[in-house]
Amino acid sequence: MPLRPPKLILRAARNRASPAHSRRGTQMPALRLLVLGGTGFVGSHLLPRLAADGHAITVLSRNRDLHRELTVLPQVRVLSANVYDRAALARHLSKADAALNLVGILNETHHQRFRRAHVELTHTLVDACRQMGVPRLVQMSALKAGQGESKYLRTRGEAEAEVKRSGLAWTLLQSAVIFGPGDGLVSRFAGLLRLLPVLPLARPRAKMAPVYVGDVVEAIARCVADPRETGGRTFELYGPDVLTLLEIVRLIRDAMGVRRAVLPLPDALGWLQAAVAGLLPGKPFSLDNFRSLLTDSVGSVDGLAALGIVPQRFAPMLPALLHGRGRQARIEAARARCAASCAAGAKDL
């Protein structure tokens, strides 16, 4: 059975840091990390990277049996827990040096609401960290958190406020839309372009600076390894290319080599499209997504540069993402497993 998390990694070699070393070359101690949201898109790329640095990682999930493939990674264990239960969090934090919160949702369901997933969970996690004396919290957020009209961005901003007044040694990572293997950007639009002869596109002029998941993972790993330099700081993570949504979809189409018309919609029709799509199973598009696109996802202070990371450009990565899933993915999986095993073995010497 293929190892799903390593298979998803396509990391630029120049962005790899030596295990358990900071950017200044000082060896950093391996940490005991509690990770929330570690089974999602970013988490599945991040865990092998953290394991390669020698950290001991505990991932909390609603159902560990759905994510047994993660346990093959050195020093990674997955436990079933209700992350909204403060007592459960406190129990799992009892031996942790730091907590990582990667939890985030893009749409609400009957069981998941923005306020609960973003604000209430962060408040509960902060309280549990304080209770158990865990000094360090690294939290994923979103570019333009707290701005705009969408519930997603507003609750992301409220969660950031919880972190900033926590009294912990916190680091916030505000990410632009993330692309990479298994994402919700390239993969989703590629699927739509295969199915539809004409793709109607809401908010076609919305601007964003897509960031590669490997660069986001590297940023998180460096923040975890260097709390003295990154504590109390917010890093905006965005790519080097500022593109409209229309340009992004056309680049994906052209990289696929398909002939499809992309039809830009005026906002009135885009709003209607979102209202209808929000009623469909899986909510491929929603009114809150539409409201988020009213705020351009473009940064102003380059957090990747501050962390010494040279970001990947969007268009050159598309052929590998769209056509390179087979042999290249297996090669990268083997490399990831080797890096993690070597790091674990070196630590035991």
Protein backbone atom coordinates (compact mmCIF):
# COMPACT_ATOMS: atom_id res chain seq x y z
CA MET A 1 0.00 0.00 0.00
CA PRO A 2 1.55 3.39 -0.95
CA LEU A 3 2.45 5.81 1.82
CA ARG A 4 0.09 8.67 1.25
CA PRO A 5 1.74 11.57 3.13
CA PRO A 6 5.28 11.15 1.70
CA LYS A 7 3.83 10.60 -1.78
CA LEU A 8 2.33 14.06 -1.67
CA ILE A 9 5.69 15.78 -1.15
CA LEU A 10 7.44 17.50 -4.02
CA ARG A 11 9.91 19.67 -2.15
CA ALA A 12 12.47 21.95 -3.78
CA ALA A 13 15.95 20.74 -2.85
CA ARG A 14 17.29 24.20 -2.23
CA ASN A 15 14.71 24.80 0.46
CA ARG A 16 15.68 21.78 2.56
CA ALA A 17 17.23 22.57 5.90
CA SER A 18 19.63 20.23 7.66
CA PRO A 19 17.80 18.23 10.33
CA ALA A 20 17.42 20.04 13.65
CA HIS A 21 19.49 23.05 12.55
CA SER A 22 18.46 26.69 12.46
CA ARG A 23 19.16 29.05 9.57
CA ARG A 24 22.18 30.34 11.48
CA GLY A 25 23.70 26.87 11.56
CA THR A 26 23.19 26.35 15.29
CA GLN A 27 22.01 22.88 16.20
CA MET A 28 18.51 23.00 17.66
CA PRO A 29 17.17 20.39 20.07
CA ALA A 30 14.54 17.93 18.90
CA LEU A 31 11.15 18.80 20.37
CA ARG A 32 8.04 16.96 21.49
CA LEU A 33 5.26 18.38 19.33
CA LEU A 34 1.49 18.11 19.58
CA VAL A 35 -0.09 18.71 16.18
CA LEU A 36 -3.75 19.55 15.57
CA GLY A 37 -4.94 19.28 11.97
CA GLY A 38 -1.98 17.12 11.04
CA THR A 39 -4.01 14.80 8.80
CA GLY A 40 -5.08 17.55 6.40
CA PHE A 41 -3.49 18.90 3.22
CA VAL A 42 -0.67 20.91 4.82
CA GLY A 43 -0.21 18.46 7.67
CA SER A 44 0.30 15.48 5.37
CA HIS A 45 3.22 17.33 3.77
CA LEU A 46 4.54 18.72 7.04
CA LEU A 47 4.79 15.58 9.17
CA PRO A 48 7.59 13.91 7.14
CA ARG A 49 9.51 17.20 7.23
CA LEU A 50 9.21 17.48 11.01
CA ALA A 51 10.09 13.81 11.43
CA ALA A 52 13.22 14.38 9.34
CA ASP A 53 14.24 17.05 11.86
CA GLY A 54 14.08 14.45 14.61
CA HIS A 55 11.05 15.79 16.46
CA ALA A 56 8.75 13.44 18.37
CA ILE A 57 5.29 14.14 17.01
CA THR A 58 1.84 13.35 18.37
CA VAL A 59 -1.04 13.97 15.96
CA LEU A 60 -4.58 14.18 17.30
CA SER A 61 -7.37 13.01 15.00
CA ARG A 62 -11.06 12.20 15.34
CA ASN A 63 -10.31 8.66 14.18
CA ARG A 64 -6.74 7.39 14.13
CA ASP A 65 -7.77 4.27 12.20
CA LEU A 66 -8.34 6.44 9.12
CA HIS A 67 -4.73 7.65 9.18
CA ARG A 68 -2.64 4.61 10.05
CA GLU A 69 -0.29 5.32 7.14
CA LEU A 70 1.12 8.26 9.12
CA THR A 71 2.47 5.97 11.81
CA VAL A 72 5.11 4.53 9.48
CA LEU A 73 6.94 7.85 9.78
CA PRO A 74 9.68 7.77 12.43
CA GLN A 75 8.61 9.20 15.79
CA VAL A 76 5.08 9.99 14.63
CA ARG A 77 2.08 8.64 16.51
CA VAL A 78 -1.57 9.30 15.76
CA LEU A 79 -4.11 9.26 18.59
CA SER A 80 -7.89 9.50 18.56
CA ALA A 81 -9.08 12.53 20.51
CA ASN A 82 -11.69 15.27 20.55
CA VAL A 83 -9.55 18.36 20.05
CA TYR A 84 -12.40 20.58 21.26
CA ASP A 85 -12.26 18.92 24.69
CA ARG A 86 -9.98 20.99 26.91
CA ALA A 87 -9.32 18.12 29.31
CA ALA A 88 -8.27 15.85 26.44
CA LEU A 89 -5.99 18.52 25.03
CA ALA A 90 -4.42 19.15 28.40
CA ARG A 91 -3.76 15.45 28.86
CA HIS A 92 -1.97 15.17 25.51
CA LEU A 93 -0.05 18.40 26.12
CA SER A 94 1.35 17.14 29.41
CA LYS A 95 4.69 16.15 27.87
CA ALA A 96 4.78 18.54 24.91
CA ASP A 97 7.30 21.30 24.28
CA ALA A 98 5.15 23.04 21.67
CA ALA A 99 1.76 22.89 19.97
CA LEU A 100 1.05 23.33 16.26
CA ASN A 101 -2.47 24.25 15.17
CA LEU A 102 -3.12 23.57 11.48
CA VAL A 103 -6.90 23.28 11.81
CA GLY A 104 -8.91 25.29 9.31
CA ILE A 105 -12.05 24.92 7.22
CA LEU A 106 -12.98 26.71 4.00
CA ASN A 107 -16.73 26.05 4.23
CA GLU A 108 -19.22 25.42 6.98
CA THR A 109 -21.23 22.21 7.37
CA HIS A 110 -23.81 21.09 9.90
CA HIS A 111 -20.99 19.75 12.07
CA GLN A 112 -18.22 22.28 11.39
CA ARG A 113 -18.68 26.01 11.86
CA PHE A 114 -16.08 28.71 11.29
CA ARG A 115 -16.29 30.09 14.81
CA ARG A 116 -15.91 26.67 16.40
CA ALA A 117 -13.07 25.47 14.15
CA HIS A 118 -11.09 28.71 14.19
CA VAL A 119 -11.91 30.78 17.28
CA GLU A 120 -13.23 28.38 19.91
CA LEU A 121 -10.62 25.72 19.19
CA THR A 122 -7.80 28.27 19.40
CA HIS A 123 -9.17 29.58 22.72
CA THR A 124 -9.37 26.02 24.09
CA LEU A 125 -5.86 25.19 22.89
CA VAL A 126 -4.40 28.36 24.42
CA ASP A 127 -6.07 27.61 27.76
CA ALA A 128 -4.78 24.04 27.71
CA CYS A 129 -1.23 25.21 26.88
CA ARG A 130 -1.32 27.63 29.79
CA GLN A 131 -2.69 24.97 32.13
CA MET A 132 0.02 22.47 31.26
CA GLY A 133 2.88 24.97 31.02
CA VAL A 134 3.48 24.48 27.30
CA PRO A 135 5.23 27.71 26.29
CA ARG A 136 5.15 27.56 22.49
CA LEU A 137 2.34 27.77 19.92
CA VAL A 138 2.72 27.84 16.14
CA GLN A 139 -0.57 28.61 14.39
CA MET A 140 -1.56 28.52 10.74
CA SER A 141 -3.75 31.39 9.63
CA ALA A 142 -4.63 33.11 6.38
CA LEU A 143 -3.38 36.11 4.48
CA LYS A 144 -5.69 39.10 5.15
CA ALA A 145 -7.07 37.43 8.29
CA GLY A 146 -9.54 39.79 10.00
CA GLN A 147 -10.20 41.75 6.82
CA GLY A 148 -13.01 41.64 4.31
CA GLU A 149 -16.58 40.37 4.48
CA SER A 150 -16.24 36.60 4.72
CA LYS A 151 -16.78 34.60 7.89
CA TYR A 152 -13.65 32.65 7.01
CA LEU A 153 -11.36 35.68 7.12
CA ARG A 154 -13.15 37.29 10.08
CA THR A 155 -12.84 34.20 12.26
CA ARG A 156 -9.24 33.70 11.23
CA GLY A 157 -8.61 37.22 12.50
CA GLU A 158 -10.39 36.53 15.79
CA ALA A 159 -8.29 33.40 16.24
CA GLU A 160 -5.13 35.44 15.71
CA ALA A 161 -6.25 37.84 18.42
CA GLU A 162 -6.63 34.88 20.81
CA VAL A 163 -3.07 33.81 20.02
CA LYS A 164 -1.56 37.27 20.40
CA ARG A 165 -3.03 37.84 23.85
CA SER A 166 -2.21 34.31 25.03
CA GLY A 167 1.04 35.16 26.77
CA LEU A 168 2.67 32.22 24.97
CA ALA A 169 5.70 32.32 22.69
CA TRP A 170 3.53 32.34 19.57
CA THR A 171 4.19 32.42 15.86
CA LEU A 172 1.49 33.10 13.25
CA LEU A 173 1.80 31.98 9.65
CA GLN A 174 -0.56 33.81 7.30
CA SER A 175 -0.71 31.81 4.11
CA ALA A 176 -1.99 32.79 0.70
CA VAL A 177 -3.86 30.12 -1.27
CA ILE A 178 -1.64 27.03 -1.26
CA PHE A 179 -0.95 24.85 -4.29
CA GLY A 180 0.71 21.47 -4.53
CA PRO A 181 -0.07 17.76 -4.82
CA GLY A 182 -3.54 17.09 -3.43
CA ASP A 183 -4.50 20.76 -3.17
CA GLY A 184 -7.87 22.45 -3.60
CA LEU A 185 -6.66 24.84 -6.29
CA VAL A 186 -4.86 23.13 -9.18
CA SER A 187 -6.51 19.75 -8.58
CA ARG A 188 -10.01 21.20 -8.33
CA PHE A 189 -9.82 23.39 -11.41
CA ALA A 190 -8.12 20.63 -13.39
CA GLY A 191 -11.04 18.35 -12.55
CA LEU A 192 -13.58 20.96 -13.63
CA LEU A 193 -11.72 21.65 -16.85
CA ARG A 194 -11.76 17.95 -17.72
CA LEU A 195 -15.51 17.73 -17.17
CA LEU A 196 -16.89 20.98 -18.57
CA PRO A 197 -16.63 22.30 -22.14
CA VAL A 198 -17.08 25.82 -20.77
CA LEU A 199 -16.02 26.83 -17.25
CA PRO A 200 -17.97 29.80 -15.82
CA LEU A 201 -15.72 31.62 -13.37
CA ALA A 202 -16.82 33.90 -10.53
CA ARG A 203 -14.57 36.76 -9.38
CA PRO A 204 -12.19 36.31 -12.34
CA ARG A 205 -10.24 39.47 -11.50
CA ALA A 206 -9.60 38.52 -7.88
CA LYS A 207 -5.86 38.72 -7.23
CA MET A 208 -3.80 36.16 -5.34
CA ALA A 209 -0.19 35.08 -4.94
CA PRO A 210 -0.31 31.26 -4.75
CA VAL A 211 2.32 29.70 -2.49
CA TYR A 212 3.75 26.22 -2.93
CA VAL A 213 2.99 23.77 -0.14
CA GLY A 214 6.65 22.75 0.10
CA ASP A 215 7.57 26.37 0.87
CA VAL A 216 4.84 26.60 3.52
CA VAL A 217 6.09 23.37 5.10
CA GLU A 218 9.65 24.66 5.13
CA ALA A 219 8.50 27.89 6.78
CA ILE A 220 6.68 26.01 9.53
CA ALA A 221 9.64 23.71 10.14
CA ARG A 222 12.03 26.64 10.46
CA CYS A 223 9.71 28.44 12.87
CA VAL A 224 9.42 25.32 15.01
CA ALA A 225 13.20 24.90 15.06
CA ASP A 226 13.98 28.51 15.94
CA PRO A 227 11.56 29.91 18.54
CA ARG A 228 14.01 32.58 19.65
CA GLU A 229 14.05 34.19 16.20
CA THR A 230 10.41 33.59 15.26
CA GLY A 231 8.52 33.88 18.56
CA GLY A 232 6.07 36.80 18.74
CA ARG A 233 6.17 37.28 14.96
CA THR A 234 3.72 36.97 12.08
CA PHE A 235 4.97 35.70 8.73
CA GLU A 236 3.06 36.32 5.50
CA LEU A 237 3.58 33.34 3.22
CA TYR A 238 2.89 34.08 -0.44
CA GLY A 239 4.38 33.22 -3.78
CA PRO A 240 6.33 35.47 -6.17
CA ASP A 241 3.59 35.63 -8.82
CA VAL A 242 0.57 37.90 -8.39
CA LEU A 243 -2.13 36.49 -10.66
CA THR A 244 -5.82 36.94 -11.22
CA LEU A 245 -8.03 33.92 -10.75
CA LEU A 246 -8.70 33.99 -14.49
CA GLU A 247 -4.97 33.85 -15.24
CA ILE A 248 -4.55 30.95 -12.82
CA VAL A 249 -7.31 28.90 -14.44
CA ARG A 250 -5.99 29.61 -17.94
CA LEU A 251 -2.48 28.57 -16.89
CA ILE A 252 -3.86 25.30 -15.54
CA ARG A 253 -5.85 24.74 -18.73
CA ASP A 254 -2.85 25.40 -20.95
CA ALA A 255 -0.61 23.13 -18.87
CA MET A 256 -3.22 20.37 -19.23
CA GLY A 257 -3.21 20.81 -22.99
CA VAL A 258 -7.00 20.92 -23.26
CA ARG A 259 -9.18 23.24 -25.31
CA ARG A 260 -11.71 24.77 -22.93
CA ALA A 261 -13.38 28.15 -22.80
CA VAL A 262 -13.18 29.98 -19.47
CA LEU A 263 -16.12 32.37 -19.12
CA PRO A 264 -15.60 35.29 -16.70
CA LEU A 265 -18.81 36.06 -14.80
CA PRO A 266 -19.96 39.47 -13.59
CA ASP A 267 -20.41 39.62 -9.82
CA ALA A 268 -24.19 39.26 -9.98
CA LEU A 269 -23.91 35.95 -11.83
CA GLY A 270 -20.91 34.91 -9.75
CA TRP A 271 -22.95 35.44 -6.59
CA LEU A 272 -25.75 33.33 -8.06
CA GLN A 273 -23.27 30.59 -9.00
CA ALA A 274 -21.96 30.57 -5.43
CA ALA A 275 -25.46 30.42 -3.97
CA VAL A 276 -26.37 27.40 -6.11
CA ALA A 277 -23.01 25.60 -5.69
CA GLY A 278 -23.27 26.03 -1.94
CA LEU A 279 -26.31 23.76 -1.96
CA LEU A 280 -24.52 20.94 -3.75
CA PRO A 281 -22.86 18.02 -1.93
CA GLY A 282 -19.37 18.94 -0.87
CA LYS A 283 -19.96 22.67 -1.48
CA PRO A 284 -17.58 23.11 -4.44
CA PHE A 285 -18.14 26.87 -4.13
CA SER A 286 -20.07 28.92 -1.58
CA LEU A 287 -21.19 32.44 -0.82
CA ASP A 288 -18.49 32.71 1.82
CA ASN A 289 -15.89 31.68 -0.76
CA PHE A 290 -17.29 34.40 -2.99
CA ARG A 291 -16.96 36.95 -0.18
CA SER A 292 -13.38 35.85 0.49
CA LEU A 293 -12.53 36.50 -3.17
CA LEU A 294 -13.66 40.11 -2.72
CA THR A 295 -10.42 40.62 -0.75
CA ASP A 296 -7.24 40.19 -2.79
CA SER A 297 -4.97 37.54 -1.27
CA VAL A 298 -1.71 39.41 -1.85
CA GLY A 299 0.88 40.05 0.85
CA SER A 300 3.04 43.05 1.64
CA VAL A 301 5.86 41.73 3.86
CA ASP A 302 7.68 38.69 2.48
CA GLY A 303 7.74 36.14 5.27
CA LEU A 304 9.41 33.49 3.14
CA ALA A 305 12.33 35.80 2.45
CA ALA A 306 12.58 36.60 6.16
CA LEU A 307 12.95 32.87 6.81
CA GLY A 308 15.56 32.44 4.06
CA ILE A 309 13.27 30.53 1.69
CA VAL A 310 13.28 31.07 -2.07
CA PRO A 311 9.68 30.40 -3.19
CA GLN A 312 8.59 28.30 -6.13
CA ARG A 313 6.81 30.01 -9.01
CA PHE A 314 3.34 28.86 -9.97
CA ALA A 315 3.43 28.16 -13.70
CA PRO A 316 6.69 26.14 -13.81
CA MET A 317 5.29 23.75 -11.17
CA LEU A 318 2.12 22.92 -13.10
CA PRO A 319 3.47 20.22 -15.45
CA ALA A 320 4.78 18.19 -12.51
CA LEU A 321 1.55 18.65 -10.56
CA LEU A 322 -0.69 17.74 -13.48
CA HIS A 323 1.36 15.05 -15.20
CA GLY A 324 4.08 13.88 -12.81
CA ARG A 325 2.14 11.89 -10.24
CA GLY A 326 3.53 8.47 -11.12
CA ARG A 327 7.23 7.70 -11.15
CA GLN A 328 8.32 11.10 -9.81
CA ALA A 329 5.95 10.87 -6.85
CA ARG A 330 7.35 7.43 -5.97
CA ILE A 331 10.90 8.79 -6.17
CA GLU A 332 10.02 11.68 -3.87
CA ALA A 333 8.27 9.30 -1.47
CA ALA A 334 11.43 7.21 -1.24
CA ARG A 335 13.53 10.30 -0.64
CA ALA A 336 11.21 11.50 2.11
CA ARG A 337 11.26 8.11 3.85
CA CYS A 338 15.05 7.96 3.57
CA ALA A 339 15.51 11.47 4.98
CA ALA A 340 13.22 10.74 7.93
CA SER A 341 14.87 7.37 8.65
CA CYS A 342 18.37 8.82 8.42
CA ALA A 343 17.48 11.64 10.80
CA ALA A 344 16.01 9.18 13.29
CA GLY A 345 19.03 6.91 12.99
CA ALA A 346 21.51 9.77 13.45
CA LYS A 347 19.73 10.85 16.62
CA ASP A 348 20.19 7.37 18.10
CA LEU A 349 23.96 7.40 17.56
